[in-house]
Structure formats: C-alpha cells, structure tokens
Amino acid sequence: MPNKKALKKTINNICNDVLSECIAVSLYSGHADPSTVEALITSIIITRNDFVSRISHPEPGMKPKVYYDQLAADFSKQMTEILDQLNALSE
C-alpha cells in the first residue's frame, strides 16, 4: 500500500487528466450539450473531493489494507462510469 500522500497525488492526477479530456471534448466536439458537460465536470470534482477525504478519514474498525483496497476498487469503478459518459459525449 502506498502512503496516503502518494495515493492522494495519484487520485488528483487521474481526475485532472479526465477533467482535461472532458474540457477538450466539449471544445472540439461540435454537438456537446453544455449542461451535460457541466454535469460531467461537477461529477469529476465531487468524485475527487470524496475520495481524497476518504483517504484522510478511514473507516474505524476496518483493517487498513482492506479499506484502501476497497477504496481503490470504488475509485476505479467511479472513474470507469465517468469515462463511459465522456465517451458517449464524444460520439
């Protein structure tokens, strides 16, 4: 398990990359709905804030390895959903 600082940095980097991709799609796609793009950007920011705060405040009573493995799985699932929405937006 990496330390908390490295985990936060990784989550921030992934969210920044997805956010940049979302902005690029909205600018270069001629048919992107602004309200959909705004909702997607909001979703990315909320996800980032949620997972960074979850790193700082782990569940009491859970073993750290189990908690952080579950956190990584949840983050991966959430980012996959956001990327699916982004792909649908770019089509």
N, C-alpha and C. Protein backbone atom coordinates (compact mmCIF):
# COMPACT_ATOMS: atom_id res chain seq x y z
N MET A 1 0.85 -1.18 0.00
CA MET A 1 0.00 0.00 0.00
C MET A 1 0.89 1.24 0.00
N PRO A 2 0.69 2.12 -0.97
CA PRO A 2 1.47 3.36 -0.96
C PRO A 2 1.00 4.26 0.19
N ASN A 3 1.82 5.24 0.49
CA ASN A 3 1.41 6.13 1.56
C ASN A 3 0.26 7.03 1.12
N LYS A 4 -0.35 7.68 2.07
CA LYS A 4 -1.54 8.49 1.80
C LYS A 4 -1.24 9.63 0.83
N LYS A 5 -0.07 10.23 0.97
CA LYS A 5 0.30 11.35 0.11
C LYS A 5 0.37 10.91 -1.36
N ALA A 6 0.99 9.76 -1.60
CA ALA A 6 1.11 9.25 -2.96
C ALA A 6 -0.26 8.88 -3.52
N LEU A 7 -1.11 8.31 -2.68
CA LEU A 7 -2.45 7.93 -3.12
C LEU A 7 -3.28 9.16 -3.48
N LYS A 8 -3.19 10.21 -2.68
CA LYS A 8 -3.89 11.46 -2.99
C LYS A 8 -3.37 12.07 -4.29
N LYS A 9 -2.06 12.02 -4.48
CA LYS A 9 -1.47 12.57 -5.68
C LYS A 9 -1.93 11.81 -6.92
N THR A 10 -2.03 10.50 -6.81
CA THR A 10 -2.49 9.68 -7.93
C THR A 10 -3.94 10.00 -8.27
N ILE A 11 -4.79 10.10 -7.25
CA ILE A 11 -6.20 10.43 -7.48
C ILE A 11 -6.32 11.81 -8.11
N ASN A 12 -5.55 12.77 -7.62
CA ASN A 12 -5.59 14.12 -8.20
C ASN A 12 -5.14 14.11 -9.66
N ASN A 13 -4.10 13.37 -9.97
CA ASN A 13 -3.60 13.32 -11.34
C ASN A 13 -4.61 12.68 -12.28
N ILE A 14 -5.22 11.59 -11.86
CA ILE A 14 -6.22 10.92 -12.69
C ILE A 14 -7.40 11.84 -12.93
N CYS A 15 -7.89 12.48 -11.88
CA CYS A 15 -9.04 13.38 -12.03
C CYS A 15 -8.69 14.58 -12.90
N ASN A 16 -7.49 15.11 -12.78
CA ASN A 16 -7.08 16.23 -13.62
C ASN A 16 -7.02 15.81 -15.09
N ASP A 17 -6.51 14.62 -15.35
CA ASP A 17 -6.45 14.14 -16.74
C ASP A 17 -7.84 13.95 -17.33
N VAL A 18 -8.74 13.37 -16.54
CA VAL A 18 -10.11 13.15 -17.03
C VAL A 18 -10.82 14.49 -17.22
N LEU A 19 -10.58 15.42 -16.33
CA LEU A 19 -11.17 16.75 -16.45
C LEU A 19 -10.66 17.46 -17.71
N SER A 20 -9.38 17.35 -17.98
CA SER A 20 -8.81 17.94 -19.19
C SER A 20 -9.41 17.32 -20.43
N GLU A 21 -9.57 16.02 -20.41
CA GLU A 21 -10.17 15.33 -21.55
C GLU A 21 -11.62 15.77 -21.75
N CYS A 22 -12.35 15.96 -20.67
CA CYS A 22 -13.73 16.42 -20.74
C CYS A 22 -13.81 17.81 -21.36
N ILE A 23 -12.94 18.68 -20.95
CA ILE A 23 -12.92 20.04 -21.50
C ILE A 23 -12.55 20.02 -22.97
N ALA A 24 -11.58 19.17 -23.33
CA ALA A 24 -11.19 19.06 -24.73
C ALA A 24 -12.34 18.54 -25.59
N VAL A 25 -13.04 17.55 -25.10
CA VAL A 25 -14.19 17.01 -25.85
C VAL A 25 -15.26 18.08 -26.01
N SER A 26 -15.50 18.86 -24.96
CA SER A 26 -16.53 19.88 -25.05
C SER A 26 -16.15 20.98 -26.04
N LEU A 27 -14.87 21.29 -26.13
CA LEU A 27 -14.42 22.34 -27.04
C LEU A 27 -14.37 21.87 -28.49
N TYR A 28 -13.93 20.65 -28.71
CA TYR A 28 -13.69 20.18 -30.07
C TYR A 28 -14.81 19.34 -30.64
N SER A 29 -15.78 18.99 -29.82
CA SER A 29 -16.94 18.27 -30.32
C SER A 29 -18.01 19.31 -30.62
N GLY A 30 -18.51 19.31 -31.81
CA GLY A 30 -19.46 20.33 -32.21
C GLY A 30 -20.85 20.17 -31.62
N HIS A 31 -21.17 19.01 -31.11
CA HIS A 31 -22.53 18.76 -30.65
C HIS A 31 -22.63 18.46 -29.16
N ALA A 32 -21.64 18.83 -28.37
CA ALA A 32 -21.67 18.57 -26.93
C ALA A 32 -22.61 19.55 -26.25
N ASP A 33 -23.55 19.02 -25.49
CA ASP A 33 -24.51 19.84 -24.76
C ASP A 33 -23.81 20.47 -23.55
N PRO A 34 -23.85 21.80 -23.41
CA PRO A 34 -23.15 22.45 -22.30
C PRO A 34 -23.62 22.00 -20.92
N SER A 35 -24.90 21.72 -20.76
CA SER A 35 -25.37 21.29 -19.44
C SER A 35 -24.86 19.88 -19.11
N THR A 36 -24.71 19.03 -20.12
CA THR A 36 -24.17 17.69 -19.90
C THR A 36 -22.69 17.77 -19.55
N VAL A 37 -21.96 18.63 -20.22
CA VAL A 37 -20.54 18.81 -19.94
C VAL A 37 -20.37 19.36 -18.52
N GLU A 38 -21.19 20.32 -18.16
CA GLU A 38 -21.11 20.89 -16.82
C GLU A 38 -21.40 19.85 -15.75
N ALA A 39 -22.40 19.01 -15.99
CA ALA A 39 -22.73 17.95 -15.04
C ALA A 39 -21.58 16.95 -14.91
N LEU A 40 -20.93 16.65 -16.02
CA LEU A 40 -19.81 15.71 -16.00
C LEU A 40 -18.61 16.30 -15.26
N ILE A 41 -18.34 17.57 -15.48
CA ILE A 41 -17.25 18.25 -14.77
C ILE A 41 -17.54 18.27 -13.26
N THR A 42 -18.76 18.57 -12.91
CA THR A 42 -19.15 18.57 -11.50
C THR A 42 -18.98 17.19 -10.89
N SER A 43 -19.35 16.17 -11.63
CA SER A 43 -19.20 14.80 -11.16
C SER A 43 -17.74 14.44 -10.91
N ILE A 44 -16.86 14.88 -11.79
CA ILE A 44 -15.43 14.61 -11.62
C ILE A 44 -14.90 15.30 -10.36
N ILE A 45 -15.29 16.53 -10.16
CA ILE A 45 -14.81 17.29 -8.99
C ILE A 45 -15.35 16.68 -7.70
N ILE A 46 -16.61 16.32 -7.68
CA ILE A 46 -17.20 15.70 -6.49
C ILE A 46 -16.52 14.37 -6.18
N THR A 47 -16.26 13.58 -7.22
CA THR A 47 -15.59 12.30 -7.03
C THR A 47 -14.20 12.50 -6.45
N ARG A 48 -13.46 13.45 -6.98
CA ARG A 48 -12.12 13.73 -6.48
C ARG A 48 -12.15 14.14 -5.01
N ASN A 49 -13.04 15.05 -4.67
CA ASN A 49 -13.14 15.51 -3.29
C ASN A 49 -13.54 14.39 -2.35
N ASP A 50 -14.47 13.56 -2.78
CA ASP A 50 -14.95 12.45 -1.95
C ASP A 50 -13.83 11.46 -1.66
N PHE A 51 -13.09 11.07 -2.69
CA PHE A 51 -12.07 10.05 -2.48
C PHE A 51 -10.86 10.58 -1.74
N VAL A 52 -10.49 11.82 -1.94
CA VAL A 52 -9.38 12.39 -1.18
C VAL A 52 -9.76 12.49 0.30
N SER A 53 -10.99 12.86 0.60
CA SER A 53 -11.40 12.93 2.00
C SER A 53 -11.50 11.54 2.62
N ARG A 54 -11.88 10.55 1.81
CA ARG A 54 -11.95 9.18 2.33
C ARG A 54 -10.56 8.62 2.65
N ILE A 55 -9.54 9.11 1.96
CA ILE A 55 -8.17 8.68 2.28
C ILE A 55 -7.79 9.20 3.65
N SER A 56 -8.14 10.43 3.94
CA SER A 56 -7.76 11.06 5.20
C SER A 56 -8.54 10.53 6.40
N HIS A 57 -9.73 9.99 6.17
CA HIS A 57 -10.58 9.54 7.27
C HIS A 57 -11.04 8.11 7.02
N PRO A 58 -10.18 7.13 7.30
CA PRO A 58 -10.56 5.74 7.05
C PRO A 58 -11.67 5.27 7.99
N GLU A 59 -12.34 4.21 7.55
CA GLU A 59 -13.41 3.61 8.35
C GLU A 59 -12.83 3.03 9.63
N PRO A 60 -13.43 3.37 10.77
CA PRO A 60 -12.94 2.75 12.00
C PRO A 60 -13.35 1.27 12.04
N GLY A 61 -12.46 0.45 12.55
CA GLY A 61 -12.75 -0.96 12.69
C GLY A 61 -12.34 -1.82 11.50
N MET A 62 -12.03 -1.20 10.36
CA MET A 62 -11.58 -1.96 9.19
C MET A 62 -10.06 -2.00 9.17
N LYS A 63 -9.53 -3.11 8.70
CA LYS A 63 -8.09 -3.20 8.54
C LYS A 63 -7.69 -2.25 7.40
N PRO A 64 -6.57 -1.56 7.57
CA PRO A 64 -6.17 -0.58 6.55
C PRO A 64 -6.04 -1.16 5.15
N LYS A 65 -5.46 -2.33 5.01
CA LYS A 65 -5.29 -2.92 3.68
C LYS A 65 -6.63 -3.16 3.02
N VAL A 66 -7.58 -3.70 3.76
CA VAL A 66 -8.91 -3.97 3.22
C VAL A 66 -9.59 -2.65 2.85
N TYR A 67 -9.47 -1.65 3.71
CA TYR A 67 -10.10 -0.36 3.46
C TYR A 67 -9.55 0.29 2.19
N TYR A 68 -8.23 0.34 2.06
CA TYR A 68 -7.64 1.02 0.91
C TYR A 68 -7.81 0.22 -0.38
N ASP A 69 -7.86 -1.11 -0.28
CA ASP A 69 -8.17 -1.92 -1.47
C ASP A 69 -9.59 -1.63 -1.95
N GLN A 70 -10.53 -1.54 -1.01
CA GLN A 70 -11.92 -1.22 -1.35
C GLN A 70 -12.02 0.20 -1.92
N LEU A 71 -11.26 1.12 -1.35
CA LEU A 71 -11.24 2.50 -1.84
C LEU A 71 -10.75 2.55 -3.29
N ALA A 72 -9.69 1.80 -3.59
CA ALA A 72 -9.15 1.78 -4.95
C ALA A 72 -10.16 1.16 -5.92
N ALA A 73 -10.84 0.11 -5.49
CA ALA A 73 -11.85 -0.52 -6.35
C ALA A 73 -13.02 0.43 -6.61
N ASP A 74 -13.46 1.13 -5.58
CA ASP A 74 -14.56 2.08 -5.73
C ASP A 74 -14.16 3.23 -6.66
N PHE A 75 -12.93 3.72 -6.51
CA PHE A 75 -12.46 4.81 -7.36
C PHE A 75 -12.39 4.36 -8.81
N SER A 76 -11.88 3.18 -9.02
CA SER A 76 -11.79 2.65 -10.38
C SER A 76 -13.17 2.52 -11.01
N LYS A 77 -14.12 2.02 -10.25
CA LYS A 77 -15.49 1.87 -10.75
C LYS A 77 -16.09 3.23 -11.10
N GLN A 78 -15.91 4.21 -10.22
CA GLN A 78 -16.46 5.55 -10.44
C GLN A 78 -15.83 6.21 -11.66
N MET A 79 -14.52 6.08 -11.82
CA MET A 79 -13.85 6.67 -12.97
C MET A 79 -14.27 5.98 -14.27
N THR A 80 -14.51 4.68 -14.21
CA THR A 80 -14.97 3.97 -15.40
C THR A 80 -16.33 4.49 -15.83
N GLU A 81 -17.22 4.73 -14.88
CA GLU A 81 -18.54 5.28 -15.20
C GLU A 81 -18.41 6.67 -15.82
N ILE A 82 -17.54 7.50 -15.27
CA ILE A 82 -17.35 8.85 -15.79
C ILE A 82 -16.75 8.79 -17.20
N LEU A 83 -15.79 7.90 -17.41
CA LEU A 83 -15.19 7.78 -18.74
C LEU A 83 -16.19 7.25 -19.76
N ASP A 84 -17.10 6.37 -19.34
CA ASP A 84 -18.15 5.91 -20.24
C ASP A 84 -19.06 7.06 -20.66
N GLN A 85 -19.40 7.92 -19.72
CA GLN A 85 -20.21 9.09 -20.02
C GLN A 85 -19.45 10.03 -20.96
N LEU A 86 -18.16 10.18 -20.73
CA LEU A 86 -17.33 11.03 -21.58
C LEU A 86 -17.25 10.47 -23.00
N ASN A 87 -17.11 9.17 -23.11
CA ASN A 87 -17.09 8.55 -24.45
C ASN A 87 -18.41 8.73 -25.16
N ALA A 88 -19.52 8.62 -24.43
CA ALA A 88 -20.83 8.83 -25.04
C ALA A 88 -20.99 10.29 -25.48
N LEU A 89 -20.39 11.19 -24.74
CA LEU A 89 -20.46 12.61 -25.09
C LEU A 89 -19.68 12.92 -26.36
N SER A 90 -18.57 12.21 -26.57
CA SER A 90 -17.74 12.49 -27.73
C SER A 90 -18.25 11.86 -29.02
N GLU A 91 -19.22 10.96 -28.92
CA GLU A 91 -19.75 10.30 -30.14
C GLU A 91 -20.76 11.16 -30.84
